[in-house]
């Protein structure tokens, strides 16, 4: 038996189609479908959605079907592609969303409303000042309402909605895959975990002599500084760790930094799951950062599971705070990693070279969506679309 993972070249975003062949119609899962507005590839989202639906429609003479759709978190670079009328005719078995999207969970509603209010406030601040570029940056944290409506209410076939939270090393049956199972590893529910975004120094991918703390927005854009008291009044609900909160009492915090903190806070709400098909384990962590990884590394059973990972979707597009050093250097072993990214000038260190190099240490390998494969060498045995629309990796299960 095999499992195939197709990584679409969306640019700075994620779209992965997982296929498990079986008698009759193959089992299919779509993990995310989106792109950042400043990081699109040469392939627009419409053409990618069209290819996904054409691929799954070829499985049957009847309606196109996906067994599972996963939206790891609400950032536009992960869900924007679901704002497409074609999805209304696609039959879906289950939709997996993070627990923070559960409309009946009081904690989820409160957290979501606070994050949305903060994003709207920041967006209005930049837009009013004519700073369209910075307003667009905040837009990534403002969920696309039409896309989220499809995920919450759309698709054909009356899909089951599953709101996922961390369940440790407990195996859940995978409907439609004989002997398959899934481990739900995130997001955590503990606000203390959701709040911790940046890893400690020994878990960061920093070059020798590189600053551990980047320049603040106040240094770069001095007109946007606000007092600590004003920040606390307007953005107290932002999930920030104690160290950062303590610093707000002494120094001004600028609204660009606040936007960045909001963006990263949403990352820790990512669905993290480990898909087991036969002996293969496929790890999809969304954009998880340190607060979501830390409880996993502290759990011996989960850590053991992670050590058996066959294929790893690199968290947060290869950024310095997506994959802890410990995960790459000690936990993951004989693994193929998938890097979905497009270099953007404003984020010159994404993907982080030190992280990619670590994941390339033999016998490991990295497959990159970047069209010229500049961030990683070509891997033998990878099937590529003739126009660069996707790359496909098959693992033996």
Protein backbone atom coordinates (compact mmCIF):
# COMPACT_ATOMS: atom_id res chain seq x y z
CA UNK A 1 0.00 0.00 0.00
CA UNK A 2 1.09 3.58 -0.62
CA UNK A 3 0.03 7.11 0.31
CA UNK A 4 0.60 10.08 -1.97
CA UNK A 5 0.84 13.70 -0.89
CA UNK A 6 0.48 16.36 -3.59
CA UNK A 7 1.85 19.79 -2.61
CA UNK A 8 0.33 22.56 -4.72
CA UNK A 9 2.50 25.51 -5.66
CA UNK A 10 0.22 28.17 -4.21
CA UNK A 11 3.17 30.35 -3.22
CA UNK A 12 3.28 31.52 0.40
CA UNK A 13 0.48 29.28 1.66
CA UNK A 14 -0.62 25.67 1.94
CA UNK A 15 -2.68 23.25 -0.17
CA UNK A 16 -2.03 19.51 0.15
CA UNK A 17 -4.02 16.66 -1.40
CA UNK A 18 -3.51 13.29 0.32
CA UNK A 19 -4.49 10.13 -1.56
CA UNK A 20 -4.65 6.56 -0.26
CA UNK A 21 -5.39 4.07 -3.06
CA UNK A 22 -7.91 1.34 -2.31
CA UNK A 23 -10.33 -0.89 -4.16
CA UNK A 24 -12.76 1.31 -6.02
CA UNK A 25 -12.54 5.02 -5.31
CA UNK A 26 -9.34 6.17 -3.55
CA UNK A 27 -9.52 7.91 -0.16
CA UNK A 28 -8.83 11.65 -0.42
CA UNK A 29 -8.03 14.39 2.09
CA UNK A 30 -7.42 18.08 1.39
CA UNK A 31 -5.32 19.95 3.95
CA UNK A 32 -5.78 23.74 3.60
CA UNK A 33 -6.16 25.76 0.43
CA UNK A 34 -4.92 29.34 0.53
CA UNK A 35 -2.22 31.87 -0.25
CA UNK A 36 -0.96 35.10 1.30
CA UNK A 37 -1.94 38.13 -0.77
CA UNK A 38 1.72 39.19 -1.03
CA UNK A 39 3.07 35.72 -1.78
CA UNK A 40 1.10 34.26 -4.70
CA UNK A 41 2.89 32.03 -7.17
CA UNK A 42 2.43 32.15 -10.94
CA UNK A 43 -0.52 29.77 -10.44
CA UNK A 44 -3.65 31.48 -9.17
CA UNK A 45 -5.91 29.86 -6.59
CA UNK A 46 -8.72 29.36 -9.11
CA UNK A 47 -6.51 27.13 -11.27
CA UNK A 48 -5.41 25.17 -8.21
CA UNK A 49 -8.99 24.65 -7.00
CA UNK A 50 -9.92 23.60 -10.54
CA UNK A 51 -7.11 21.02 -10.59
CA UNK A 52 -8.03 19.64 -7.16
CA UNK A 53 -11.67 19.18 -8.13
CA UNK A 54 -10.79 17.72 -11.54
CA UNK A 55 -8.46 15.24 -9.84
CA UNK A 56 -11.04 14.01 -7.36
CA UNK A 57 -13.85 14.04 -9.94
CA UNK A 58 -11.84 11.60 -12.05
CA UNK A 59 -12.23 9.03 -9.26
CA UNK A 60 -15.93 8.58 -9.95
CA UNK A 61 -18.60 8.99 -12.61
CA UNK A 62 -20.72 10.83 -10.08
CA UNK A 63 -20.02 13.88 -7.90
CA UNK A 64 -16.46 14.86 -6.92
CA UNK A 65 -15.77 13.78 -3.34
CA UNK A 66 -13.27 14.42 -0.57
CA UNK A 67 -13.37 12.17 2.47
CA UNK A 68 -11.86 14.85 4.73
CA UNK A 69 -11.20 18.57 4.42
CA UNK A 70 -8.87 20.10 7.02
CA UNK A 71 -8.59 23.85 7.61
CA UNK A 72 -5.72 24.06 10.06
CA UNK A 73 -6.41 27.68 11.11
CA UNK A 74 -8.13 30.82 9.91
CA UNK A 75 -5.23 32.66 8.24
CA UNK A 76 -5.98 33.57 4.63
CA UNK A 77 -2.89 31.77 3.38
CA UNK A 78 -4.57 28.56 4.56
CA UNK A 79 -8.27 29.03 3.74
CA UNK A 80 -8.70 31.74 1.06
CA UNK A 81 -9.14 29.10 -1.67
CA UNK A 82 -12.38 27.87 -0.13
CA UNK A 83 -14.00 31.13 -1.24
CA UNK A 84 -14.92 29.53 -4.55
CA UNK A 85 -18.39 28.51 -5.74
CA UNK A 86 -17.03 25.23 -7.14
CA UNK A 87 -16.84 23.81 -3.59
CA UNK A 88 -20.64 23.89 -3.26
CA UNK A 89 -20.89 20.85 -5.57
CA UNK A 90 -18.09 18.83 -3.93
CA UNK A 91 -19.25 16.09 -1.58
CA UNK A 92 -17.28 16.00 1.68
CA UNK A 93 -17.37 13.38 4.43
CA UNK A 94 -15.83 15.34 7.33
CA UNK A 95 -14.45 18.84 7.91
CA UNK A 96 -11.78 19.27 10.60
CA UNK A 97 -11.38 22.71 12.16
CA UNK A 98 -9.54 23.91 15.28
CA UNK A 99 -11.62 24.04 18.45
CA UNK A 100 -11.42 27.84 18.39
CA UNK A 101 -13.85 27.81 15.43
CA UNK A 102 -16.56 25.89 17.32
CA UNK A 103 -19.64 28.17 17.35
CA UNK A 104 -20.97 26.41 20.46
CA UNK A 105 -17.79 26.63 22.53
CA UNK A 106 -17.94 29.71 24.77
CA UNK A 107 -14.15 29.92 25.18
CA UNK A 108 -13.75 29.65 21.42
CA UNK A 109 -16.27 32.38 20.70
CA UNK A 110 -14.64 34.75 23.17
CA UNK A 111 -11.13 34.13 21.82
CA UNK A 112 -12.23 34.43 18.21
CA UNK A 113 -14.14 37.64 18.83
CA UNK A 114 -11.22 39.24 20.66
CA UNK A 115 -8.76 38.33 17.90
CA UNK A 116 -11.15 39.56 15.21
CA UNK A 117 -11.73 42.84 17.05
CA UNK A 118 -8.00 43.40 17.44
CA UNK A 119 -7.39 42.72 13.75
CA UNK A 120 -10.18 45.08 12.69
CA UNK A 121 -8.85 47.80 14.99
CA UNK A 122 -5.32 47.48 13.64
CA UNK A 123 -6.53 47.29 10.05
CA UNK A 124 -8.54 50.46 10.53
CA UNK A 125 -5.54 52.22 12.08
CA UNK A 126 -3.34 51.52 9.06
CA UNK A 127 -6.04 52.04 6.44
CA UNK A 128 -7.03 55.42 7.88
CA UNK A 129 -3.42 56.54 7.68
CA UNK A 130 -3.17 55.46 4.04
CA UNK A 131 -0.79 52.64 4.91
CA UNK A 132 -2.35 50.08 2.59
CA UNK A 133 0.65 47.74 2.66
CA UNK A 134 0.51 47.40 6.43
CA UNK A 135 -3.28 47.16 6.40
CA UNK A 136 -2.91 44.23 3.99
CA UNK A 137 -0.52 42.55 6.43
CA UNK A 138 -3.24 42.59 9.11
CA UNK A 139 -5.75 41.17 6.62
CA UNK A 140 -4.10 37.75 6.88
CA UNK A 141 -5.45 37.53 10.44
CA UNK A 142 -8.94 38.55 9.33
CA UNK A 143 -10.60 35.36 8.22
CA UNK A 144 -12.24 35.39 4.80
CA UNK A 145 -15.91 35.20 5.82
CA UNK A 146 -17.03 33.52 2.59
CA UNK A 147 -14.31 30.87 2.84
CA UNK A 148 -15.14 30.21 6.48
CA UNK A 149 -18.83 29.96 5.64
CA UNK A 150 -18.05 27.18 3.17
CA UNK A 151 -15.94 25.37 5.77
CA UNK A 152 -18.63 25.73 8.44
CA UNK A 153 -21.77 25.30 6.35
CA UNK A 154 -20.92 24.47 2.75
CA UNK A 155 -20.02 21.47 0.60
CA UNK A 156 -22.42 18.80 -0.58
CA UNK A 157 -23.19 15.63 1.32
CA UNK A 158 -23.88 17.16 4.77
CA UNK A 159 -20.35 16.65 6.12
CA UNK A 160 -19.65 16.07 9.80
CA UNK A 161 -17.78 18.98 11.44
CA UNK A 162 -15.10 17.97 13.90
CA UNK A 163 -13.60 20.70 16.10
CA UNK A 164 -10.14 19.48 16.98
CA UNK A 165 -8.09 19.97 20.14
CA UNK A 166 -4.99 18.19 21.42
CA UNK A 167 -5.76 14.60 22.43
CA UNK A 168 -2.23 13.31 23.05
CA UNK A 169 -1.20 9.86 21.80
CA UNK A 170 -4.78 8.58 21.52
CA UNK A 171 -5.47 6.93 18.15
CA UNK A 172 -8.77 7.78 16.45
CA UNK A 173 -10.09 5.58 13.61
CA UNK A 174 -9.74 7.06 10.14
CA UNK A 175 -13.09 6.55 8.37
CA UNK A 176 -12.62 4.97 4.96
CA UNK A 177 -9.04 3.74 5.46
CA UNK A 178 -8.80 0.18 6.67
CA UNK A 179 -6.44 0.06 9.64
CA UNK A 180 -5.75 3.80 9.35
CA UNK A 181 -5.89 6.17 12.29
CA UNK A 182 -5.24 9.78 13.22
CA UNK A 183 -3.66 11.40 16.27
CA UNK A 184 -4.92 14.89 17.09
CA UNK A 185 -1.94 16.70 18.63
CA UNK A 186 -3.14 20.30 18.57
CA UNK A 187 -4.18 22.97 19.07
CA UNK A 188 -3.84 23.08 22.86
CA UNK A 189 -6.69 24.46 24.92
CA UNK A 190 -4.54 25.90 27.69
CA UNK A 191 -4.32 29.69 27.18
CA UNK A 192 -0.79 29.57 28.58
CA UNK A 193 0.28 27.38 25.65
CA UNK A 194 -1.59 29.43 23.06
CA UNK A 195 0.16 32.54 24.37
CA UNK A 196 3.75 31.36 23.88
CA UNK A 197 4.78 32.19 20.33
CA UNK A 198 8.55 32.47 20.08
CA UNK A 199 10.74 29.59 21.25
CA UNK A 200 13.54 30.00 23.77
CA UNK A 201 16.95 30.84 22.32
CA UNK A 202 18.13 27.23 22.25
CA UNK A 203 15.13 26.27 20.07
CA UNK A 204 15.50 29.09 17.51
CA UNK A 205 17.17 28.91 14.14
CA UNK A 206 19.57 31.83 14.49
CA UNK A 207 22.86 32.36 12.75
CA UNK A 208 25.99 33.13 14.70
CA UNK A 209 25.87 36.81 15.66
CA UNK A 210 22.24 37.23 14.58
CA UNK A 211 20.06 39.22 16.95
CA UNK A 212 17.72 37.03 18.97
CA UNK A 213 15.17 39.85 19.05
CA UNK A 214 14.41 41.73 15.80
CA UNK A 215 14.10 45.48 15.67
CA UNK A 216 10.70 46.67 16.81
CA UNK A 217 8.21 48.39 14.55
CA UNK A 218 8.76 51.54 16.61
CA UNK A 219 12.38 51.59 15.43
CA UNK A 220 11.37 51.10 11.81
CA UNK A 221 8.17 53.17 11.73
CA UNK A 222 8.40 55.67 14.60
CA UNK A 223 5.07 57.28 13.81
CA UNK A 224 3.21 54.20 14.98
CA UNK A 225 4.37 53.98 18.58
CA UNK A 226 1.71 53.93 21.29
CA UNK A 227 2.18 54.10 25.03
CA UNK A 228 2.18 50.95 27.14
CA UNK A 229 -1.03 52.07 28.84
CA UNK A 230 -2.73 52.65 25.48
CA UNK A 231 -1.56 49.28 24.21
CA UNK A 232 -2.88 47.55 27.32
CA UNK A 233 -6.24 49.27 26.95
CA UNK A 234 -6.66 48.41 23.28
CA UNK A 235 -4.81 45.09 22.91
CA UNK A 236 -4.76 43.48 26.33
CA UNK A 237 -6.60 40.46 24.92
CA UNK A 238 -3.74 39.58 22.54
CA UNK A 239 -2.20 36.24 23.45
CA UNK A 240 1.30 37.26 24.46
CA UNK A 241 3.66 35.54 26.85
CA UNK A 242 4.58 36.92 30.27
CA UNK A 243 7.99 38.19 29.15
CA UNK A 244 6.48 40.30 26.37
CA UNK A 245 3.65 41.51 28.58
CA UNK A 246 6.20 42.57 31.21
CA UNK A 247 8.11 44.57 28.60
CA UNK A 248 4.95 46.48 27.69
CA UNK A 249 4.94 48.06 31.14
CA UNK A 250 8.23 49.83 30.47
CA UNK A 251 8.49 50.59 26.76
CA UNK A 252 6.09 51.84 24.08
CA UNK A 253 4.68 49.16 21.77
CA UNK A 254 3.92 50.07 18.18
CA UNK A 255 0.86 48.93 16.31
CA UNK A 256 2.91 47.12 13.68
CA UNK A 257 4.34 44.95 16.45
CA UNK A 258 0.81 44.44 17.74
CA UNK A 259 -0.25 43.25 14.28
CA UNK A 260 2.67 40.83 14.18
CA UNK A 261 1.78 39.49 17.63
CA UNK A 262 -1.81 38.94 16.54
CA UNK A 263 -0.69 37.13 13.40
CA UNK A 264 1.51 34.78 15.39
CA UNK A 265 -1.09 34.23 18.11
CA UNK A 266 -3.45 32.73 15.53
CA UNK A 267 -0.71 30.31 14.40
CA UNK A 268 -0.81 28.46 17.72
CA UNK A 269 -4.48 27.63 17.14
CA UNK A 270 -3.47 25.37 14.21
CA UNK A 271 -4.80 21.85 13.95
CA UNK A 272 -1.82 19.51 14.36
CA UNK A 273 -2.44 15.94 13.31
CA UNK A 274 -0.47 12.79 12.61
CA UNK A 275 -2.04 10.56 9.97
CA UNK A 276 -1.13 6.86 10.15
CA UNK A 277 -1.60 4.67 7.07
CA UNK A 278 0.01 1.29 7.53
CA UNK A 279 3.53 1.97 8.78
CA UNK A 280 3.63 5.50 7.34
CA UNK A 281 3.00 8.52 9.59
CA UNK A 282 2.29 11.88 7.96
CA UNK A 283 2.66 14.95 10.19
CA UNK A 284 0.72 18.14 9.39
CA UNK A 285 1.24 20.92 12.00
CA UNK A 286 -0.26 23.89 10.16
CA UNK A 287 1.68 26.97 11.33
CA UNK A 288 2.22 25.76 14.90
CA UNK A 289 4.76 27.69 16.98
CA UNK A 290 6.51 26.99 20.27
CA UNK A 291 3.46 27.10 22.56
CA UNK A 292 1.80 24.32 20.57
CA UNK A 293 4.99 22.23 20.23
CA UNK A 294 6.11 22.42 23.86
CA UNK A 295 3.44 20.13 25.39
CA UNK A 296 4.04 17.59 22.62
CA UNK A 297 7.76 17.40 23.35
CA UNK A 298 7.05 17.04 27.06
CA UNK A 299 4.78 14.02 26.48
CA UNK A 300 6.91 10.86 26.14
CA UNK A 301 4.24 8.93 24.19
CA UNK A 302 3.64 11.76 21.73
CA UNK A 303 7.36 12.34 21.34
CA UNK A 304 7.82 8.65 20.49
CA UNK A 305 5.07 8.91 17.86
CA UNK A 306 6.69 11.99 16.32
CA UNK A 307 9.96 10.10 16.09
CA UNK A 308 8.31 7.63 13.70
CA UNK A 309 7.17 10.35 11.31
CA UNK A 310 7.64 9.39 7.64
CA UNK A 311 6.62 12.67 6.02
CA UNK A 312 6.59 16.13 7.61
CA UNK A 313 4.83 19.25 6.34
CA UNK A 314 7.24 21.93 7.56
CA UNK A 315 5.44 24.22 9.99
CA UNK A 316 4.87 27.89 9.16
CA UNK A 317 6.53 27.74 5.73
CA UNK A 318 10.00 27.15 7.17
CA UNK A 319 10.11 30.21 9.43
CA UNK A 320 12.52 30.40 12.36
CA UNK A 321 9.76 29.88 14.93
CA UNK A 322 7.77 27.12 13.22
CA UNK A 323 9.90 24.01 13.78
CA UNK A 324 11.84 23.90 17.07
CA UNK A 325 15.51 22.95 16.85
CA UNK A 326 14.79 19.94 19.04
CA UNK A 327 12.19 18.61 16.61
CA UNK A 328 14.50 18.84 13.59
CA UNK A 329 17.71 17.73 15.32
CA UNK A 330 16.50 15.08 17.75
CA UNK A 331 12.89 13.99 17.18
CA UNK A 332 12.45 13.62 13.41
CA UNK A 333 14.64 10.90 11.95
CA UNK A 334 14.31 9.27 8.51
CA UNK A 335 11.81 11.78 7.18
CA UNK A 336 10.89 13.52 3.94
CA UNK A 337 9.86 17.13 4.57
CA UNK A 338 7.58 19.24 2.40
CA UNK A 339 8.26 22.99 2.20
CA UNK A 340 5.40 25.11 0.88
CA UNK A 341 6.63 28.68 0.50
CA UNK A 342 7.51 31.51 -1.85
CA UNK A 343 10.30 33.89 -0.79
CA UNK A 344 9.03 37.41 -0.05
CA UNK A 345 11.32 40.41 0.38
CA UNK A 346 9.74 41.48 3.67
CA UNK A 347 10.41 38.01 5.13
CA UNK A 348 13.89 37.47 3.76
CA UNK A 349 14.68 34.67 6.21
CA UNK A 350 11.69 32.49 5.27
CA UNK A 351 12.47 29.73 4.59
CA UNK A 352 15.15 29.66 7.27
CA UNK A 353 18.28 28.18 5.67
CA UNK A 354 19.53 26.64 8.92
CA UNK A 355 16.26 24.76 9.35
CA UNK A 356 16.23 23.49 5.76
CA UNK A 357 19.87 22.38 6.06
CA UNK A 358 19.06 20.47 9.25
CA UNK A 359 16.15 18.67 7.60
CA UNK A 360 18.42 17.77 4.65
CA UNK A 361 20.91 15.82 6.76
CA UNK A 362 21.06 12.25 5.42
CA UNK A 363 19.04 10.11 5.23
CA UNK A 364 16.47 12.92 5.27
CA UNK A 365 15.33 14.98 2.30
CA UNK A 366 13.31 18.12 1.56
CA UNK A 367 10.87 18.71 -1.29
CA UNK A 368 10.19 22.40 -1.95
CA UNK A 369 7.28 24.01 -3.78
CA UNK A 370 9.55 26.82 -4.96
CA UNK A 371 9.51 26.64 -8.74
CA UNK A 372 13.26 26.83 -9.25
CA UNK A 373 13.88 24.63 -6.18
CA UNK A 374 16.49 27.14 -5.01
CA UNK A 375 15.84 26.40 -1.34
CA UNK A 376 16.39 22.64 -1.65
CA UNK A 377 17.86 20.15 -4.12
CA UNK A 378 15.61 18.13 -6.40
CA UNK A 379 14.63 14.83 -4.80
CA UNK A 380 14.64 11.71 -6.93
CA UNK A 381 11.33 9.93 -7.25
CA UNK A 382 9.20 13.07 -6.88
CA UNK A 383 6.53 13.45 -9.53
CA UNK A 384 6.14 17.01 -10.85
CA UNK A 385 3.39 18.68 -12.83
CA UNK A 386 4.74 19.75 -16.26
CA UNK A 387 3.84 23.41 -15.61
CA UNK A 388 4.97 23.43 -11.98
CA UNK A 389 1.44 23.39 -10.54
CA UNK A 390 2.33 20.74 -7.97
CA UNK A 391 4.87 18.22 -6.74
CA UNK A 392 3.86 14.79 -5.51
CA UNK A 393 5.58 12.45 -3.06
CA UNK A 394 4.60 8.81 -2.59
CA UNK A 395 5.45 6.94 0.59
CA UNK A 396 5.23 3.20 1.13
CA UNK A 397 2.83 2.30 3.90
